[in-house]
Structure formats: structure tokens, C-alpha cells
Amino acid sequence: MPMGPACATFVTYPARLAGKTLANMVFVGPVDPTGNNWFPKDQMAMGIPINIAMKMDEDLEKSFIIKRHDVAYPKVRCEIKK
């Protein structure tokens, strides 16, 4: 997980607009504490470079999302207790 503002996780790092950002990396976050008041606490986001997103779309028919839709998007979601 990268450090920095939420916008870096969602846009700057995946688009490689920041110096020394590695190619073909998927970023999970946000880890920025200023996002705590607006980002849902029970969710995380991924920043995906466009080339990886396009490859994911091309392989969608082979993906578990299509083959196991009930696993990828369950009708009943269990609450994780802390």
C-alpha cells in the first residue's frame, strides 16, 4: 500500500505520474487518514493502471467474475466482526 494522499492511490500512482512509480503495479488504499471522514470504513479501493485494466477486460470471459459470479458478487455478504 502506498503512502500519500488518496488521490495518489487512485490516480497519480496508477497513471505513473509520480517519480519512481513502478510499472504494472496495482495500488490498494486509501492509507491517507484524511480520507477517513469521507471514504467508507468497510471498503478499500484499487488504483489499476489502464493497461492492466484493459488486459483484465480482455480476459473477462476466463475470469472468476464471469464463471463464479456468486462468489465474486455474493447475494448475502457477511459482516466481519472486529
N, C-alpha and C. Protein backbone atom coordinates (compact mmCIF):
# COMPACT_ATOMS: atom_id res chain seq x y z
N MET A 1 0.85 -1.17 0.00
CA MET A 1 0.00 0.00 0.00
C MET A 1 0.89 1.24 0.00
N PRO A 2 0.62 2.14 -0.89
CA PRO A 2 1.46 3.34 -0.98
C PRO A 2 1.07 4.38 0.06
N MET A 3 2.04 5.12 0.47
CA MET A 3 1.75 6.25 1.36
C MET A 3 1.46 7.47 0.50
N GLY A 4 0.69 8.36 1.03
CA GLY A 4 0.35 9.57 0.31
C GLY A 4 -1.14 9.81 0.33
N PRO A 5 -1.58 10.90 -0.29
CA PRO A 5 -3.00 11.23 -0.30
C PRO A 5 -3.81 10.22 -1.11
N ALA A 6 -5.09 10.17 -0.83
CA ALA A 6 -5.97 9.24 -1.53
C ALA A 6 -5.94 9.43 -3.04
N CYS A 7 -5.85 10.68 -3.49
CA CYS A 7 -5.83 10.91 -4.94
C CYS A 7 -4.60 10.27 -5.58
N ALA A 8 -3.50 10.15 -4.84
CA ALA A 8 -2.32 9.48 -5.37
C ALA A 8 -2.59 7.99 -5.57
N THR A 9 -3.28 7.38 -4.61
CA THR A 9 -3.60 5.96 -4.72
C THR A 9 -4.52 5.69 -5.89
N PHE A 10 -5.49 6.58 -6.12
CA PHE A 10 -6.50 6.36 -7.15
C PHE A 10 -6.04 6.79 -8.54
N VAL A 11 -5.22 7.84 -8.64
CA VAL A 11 -4.88 8.41 -9.95
C VAL A 11 -3.38 8.51 -10.19
N THR A 12 -2.68 9.22 -9.32
CA THR A 12 -1.28 9.57 -9.58
C THR A 12 -0.38 8.34 -9.72
N TYR A 13 -0.45 7.42 -8.78
CA TYR A 13 0.41 6.23 -8.84
C TYR A 13 0.03 5.30 -10.00
N PRO A 14 -1.24 4.93 -10.18
CA PRO A 14 -1.56 4.04 -11.30
C PRO A 14 -1.21 4.64 -12.67
N ALA A 15 -1.33 5.96 -12.80
CA ALA A 15 -1.02 6.62 -14.07
C ALA A 15 0.49 6.89 -14.21
N ARG A 16 1.25 6.54 -13.20
CA ARG A 16 2.71 6.73 -13.16
C ARG A 16 3.09 8.19 -13.33
N LEU A 17 2.32 9.07 -12.70
CA LEU A 17 2.59 10.49 -12.73
C LEU A 17 3.58 10.91 -11.65
N ALA A 18 3.86 10.02 -10.71
CA ALA A 18 4.82 10.30 -9.65
C ALA A 18 6.16 9.67 -10.02
N GLY A 19 7.24 10.35 -9.69
CA GLY A 19 8.56 9.81 -9.99
C GLY A 19 8.80 8.49 -9.27
N LYS A 20 9.49 7.60 -9.94
CA LYS A 20 9.89 6.29 -9.40
C LYS A 20 8.71 5.36 -9.14
N THR A 21 7.54 5.64 -9.71
CA THR A 21 6.41 4.72 -9.57
C THR A 21 6.67 3.52 -10.45
N LEU A 22 6.57 2.34 -9.89
CA LEU A 22 6.85 1.12 -10.65
C LEU A 22 5.75 0.85 -11.68
N ALA A 23 6.15 0.27 -12.79
CA ALA A 23 5.19 -0.08 -13.85
C ALA A 23 4.37 -1.30 -13.44
N ASN A 24 3.16 -1.37 -13.97
CA ASN A 24 2.28 -2.53 -13.80
C ASN A 24 2.00 -2.88 -12.35
N MET A 25 1.86 -1.86 -11.52
CA MET A 25 1.53 -2.07 -10.11
C MET A 25 0.06 -1.71 -9.88
N VAL A 26 -0.60 -2.47 -9.05
CA VAL A 26 -1.96 -2.17 -8.61
C VAL A 26 -1.85 -1.64 -7.19
N PHE A 27 -2.50 -0.54 -6.91
CA PHE A 27 -2.39 0.12 -5.61
C PHE A 27 -3.68 -0.03 -4.83
N VAL A 28 -3.53 -0.41 -3.56
CA VAL A 28 -4.68 -0.62 -2.68
C VAL A 28 -4.66 0.47 -1.61
N GLY A 29 -5.81 0.98 -1.29
CA GLY A 29 -5.87 2.03 -0.27
C GLY A 29 -7.30 2.47 -0.05
N PRO A 30 -7.49 3.64 0.39
CA PRO A 30 -6.50 4.65 0.72
C PRO A 30 -5.90 4.42 2.10
N VAL A 31 -4.66 4.85 2.26
CA VAL A 31 -4.00 4.78 3.55
C VAL A 31 -3.88 6.17 4.17
N ASP A 32 -4.36 7.16 3.47
CA ASP A 32 -4.33 8.55 3.93
C ASP A 32 -5.39 8.76 5.01
N PRO A 33 -5.01 9.10 6.23
CA PRO A 33 -6.01 9.27 7.29
C PRO A 33 -7.00 10.39 7.04
N THR A 34 -6.69 11.34 6.14
CA THR A 34 -7.66 12.41 5.88
C THR A 34 -8.86 11.89 5.09
N GLY A 35 -8.75 10.70 4.53
CA GLY A 35 -9.88 10.10 3.83
C GLY A 35 -10.85 9.41 4.76
N ASN A 36 -10.49 9.30 6.03
CA ASN A 36 -11.34 8.59 6.99
C ASN A 36 -12.75 9.16 7.09
N ASN A 37 -12.89 10.47 6.93
CA ASN A 37 -14.22 11.06 7.12
C ASN A 37 -15.10 10.96 5.88
N TRP A 38 -14.58 10.59 4.71
CA TRP A 38 -15.41 10.50 3.51
C TRP A 38 -15.38 9.14 2.84
N PHE A 39 -14.35 8.33 3.08
CA PHE A 39 -14.27 7.02 2.44
C PHE A 39 -14.91 5.99 3.36
N PRO A 40 -15.80 5.12 2.83
CA PRO A 40 -16.47 4.12 3.69
C PRO A 40 -15.46 3.25 4.43
N LYS A 41 -15.62 3.12 5.76
CA LYS A 41 -14.62 2.41 6.55
C LYS A 41 -14.56 0.93 6.27
N ASP A 42 -15.60 0.34 5.72
CA ASP A 42 -15.59 -1.09 5.47
C ASP A 42 -15.18 -1.43 4.02
N GLN A 43 -14.58 -0.48 3.33
CA GLN A 43 -14.19 -0.71 1.94
C GLN A 43 -12.76 -0.27 1.69
N MET A 44 -12.20 -0.82 0.62
CA MET A 44 -10.89 -0.39 0.13
C MET A 44 -11.05 -0.17 -1.37
N ALA A 45 -10.12 0.56 -1.93
CA ALA A 45 -10.16 0.83 -3.36
C ALA A 45 -8.87 0.35 -3.99
N MET A 46 -8.94 0.09 -5.30
CA MET A 46 -7.75 -0.28 -6.06
C MET A 46 -7.54 0.74 -7.16
N GLY A 47 -6.31 1.19 -7.31
CA GLY A 47 -5.92 2.02 -8.44
C GLY A 47 -5.20 1.11 -9.43
N ILE A 48 -5.78 0.95 -10.61
CA ILE A 48 -5.25 0.00 -11.59
C ILE A 48 -4.78 0.75 -12.83
N PRO A 49 -3.53 0.53 -13.26
CA PRO A 49 -3.07 1.15 -14.49
C PRO A 49 -3.96 0.73 -15.67
N ILE A 50 -4.15 1.63 -16.61
CA ILE A 50 -5.08 1.38 -17.72
C ILE A 50 -4.70 0.15 -18.53
N ASN A 51 -3.40 -0.12 -18.70
CA ASN A 51 -3.02 -1.31 -19.48
C ASN A 51 -3.43 -2.59 -18.76
N ILE A 52 -3.36 -2.62 -17.44
CA ILE A 52 -3.79 -3.80 -16.69
C ILE A 52 -5.32 -3.91 -16.74
N ALA A 53 -6.02 -2.80 -16.60
CA ALA A 53 -7.49 -2.82 -16.67
C ALA A 53 -7.95 -3.33 -18.04
N MET A 54 -7.27 -2.92 -19.11
CA MET A 54 -7.65 -3.38 -20.45
C MET A 54 -7.39 -4.88 -20.59
N LYS A 55 -6.28 -5.38 -20.04
CA LYS A 55 -6.00 -6.81 -20.09
C LYS A 55 -7.04 -7.59 -19.28
N MET A 56 -7.45 -7.03 -18.14
CA MET A 56 -8.48 -7.69 -17.33
C MET A 56 -9.78 -7.79 -18.13
N ASP A 57 -10.13 -6.72 -18.84
CA ASP A 57 -11.34 -6.73 -19.65
C ASP A 57 -11.25 -7.75 -20.78
N GLU A 58 -10.09 -7.86 -21.40
CA GLU A 58 -9.91 -8.81 -22.49
C GLU A 58 -10.06 -10.26 -22.01
N ASP A 59 -9.67 -10.53 -20.77
CA ASP A 59 -9.73 -11.88 -20.22
C ASP A 59 -10.97 -12.12 -19.37
N LEU A 60 -11.94 -11.23 -19.43
CA LEU A 60 -13.11 -11.32 -18.55
C LEU A 60 -13.85 -12.64 -18.69
N GLU A 61 -13.95 -13.18 -19.90
CA GLU A 61 -14.67 -14.44 -20.11
C GLU A 61 -14.00 -15.60 -19.38
N LYS A 62 -12.70 -15.50 -19.13
CA LYS A 62 -11.96 -16.55 -18.41
C LYS A 62 -11.95 -16.29 -16.91
N SER A 63 -12.43 -15.15 -16.50
CA SER A 63 -12.33 -14.71 -15.12
C SER A 63 -13.33 -15.39 -14.19
N PHE A 64 -12.96 -15.47 -12.92
CA PHE A 64 -13.88 -15.99 -11.91
C PHE A 64 -15.11 -15.10 -11.79
N ILE A 65 -15.00 -13.84 -12.17
CA ILE A 65 -16.14 -12.92 -12.08
C ILE A 65 -17.28 -13.41 -12.96
N ILE A 66 -16.95 -13.92 -14.14
CA ILE A 66 -17.98 -14.45 -15.05
C ILE A 66 -18.34 -15.89 -14.67
N LYS A 67 -17.33 -16.71 -14.42
CA LYS A 67 -17.56 -18.13 -14.13
C LYS A 67 -18.17 -18.37 -12.76
N ARG A 68 -17.80 -17.56 -11.77
CA ARG A 68 -18.28 -17.75 -10.41
C ARG A 68 -18.87 -16.45 -9.90
N HIS A 69 -19.85 -15.95 -10.60
CA HIS A 69 -20.47 -14.67 -10.27
C HIS A 69 -20.94 -14.62 -8.83
N ASP A 70 -21.47 -15.74 -8.34
CA ASP A 70 -21.98 -15.78 -6.96
C ASP A 70 -20.87 -15.62 -5.93
N VAL A 71 -19.63 -15.98 -6.29
CA VAL A 71 -18.50 -15.80 -5.38
C VAL A 71 -17.99 -14.37 -5.46
N ALA A 72 -17.87 -13.86 -6.69
CA ALA A 72 -17.36 -12.50 -6.88
C ALA A 72 -18.33 -11.46 -6.31
N TYR A 73 -19.61 -11.71 -6.51
CA TYR A 73 -20.63 -10.77 -6.05
C TYR A 73 -21.72 -11.54 -5.29
N PRO A 74 -21.45 -11.93 -4.04
CA PRO A 74 -22.43 -12.72 -3.29
C PRO A 74 -23.70 -11.94 -2.99
N LYS A 75 -24.83 -12.65 -2.99
CA LYS A 75 -26.11 -12.01 -2.68
C LYS A 75 -26.17 -11.61 -1.21
N VAL A 76 -25.60 -12.44 -0.35
CA VAL A 76 -25.55 -12.15 1.08
C VAL A 76 -24.10 -11.93 1.46
N ARG A 77 -23.84 -10.81 2.05
CA ARG A 77 -22.46 -10.50 2.47
C ARG A 77 -22.38 -10.61 3.98
N CYS A 78 -21.37 -11.28 4.46
CA CYS A 78 -21.18 -11.46 5.89
C CYS A 78 -20.42 -10.27 6.46
N GLU A 79 -20.86 -9.84 7.58
CA GLU A 79 -20.21 -8.74 8.29
C GLU A 79 -19.00 -9.31 9.05
N ILE A 80 -17.86 -8.70 8.92
CA ILE A 80 -16.68 -9.14 9.64
C ILE A 80 -16.64 -8.42 10.98
N LYS A 81 -16.64 -9.19 12.05
CA LYS A 81 -16.64 -8.59 13.38
C LYS A 81 -15.21 -8.39 13.85
N LYS A 82 -15.00 -7.26 14.49
CA LYS A 82 -13.65 -6.95 14.99
C LYS A 82 -13.44 -7.49 16.36
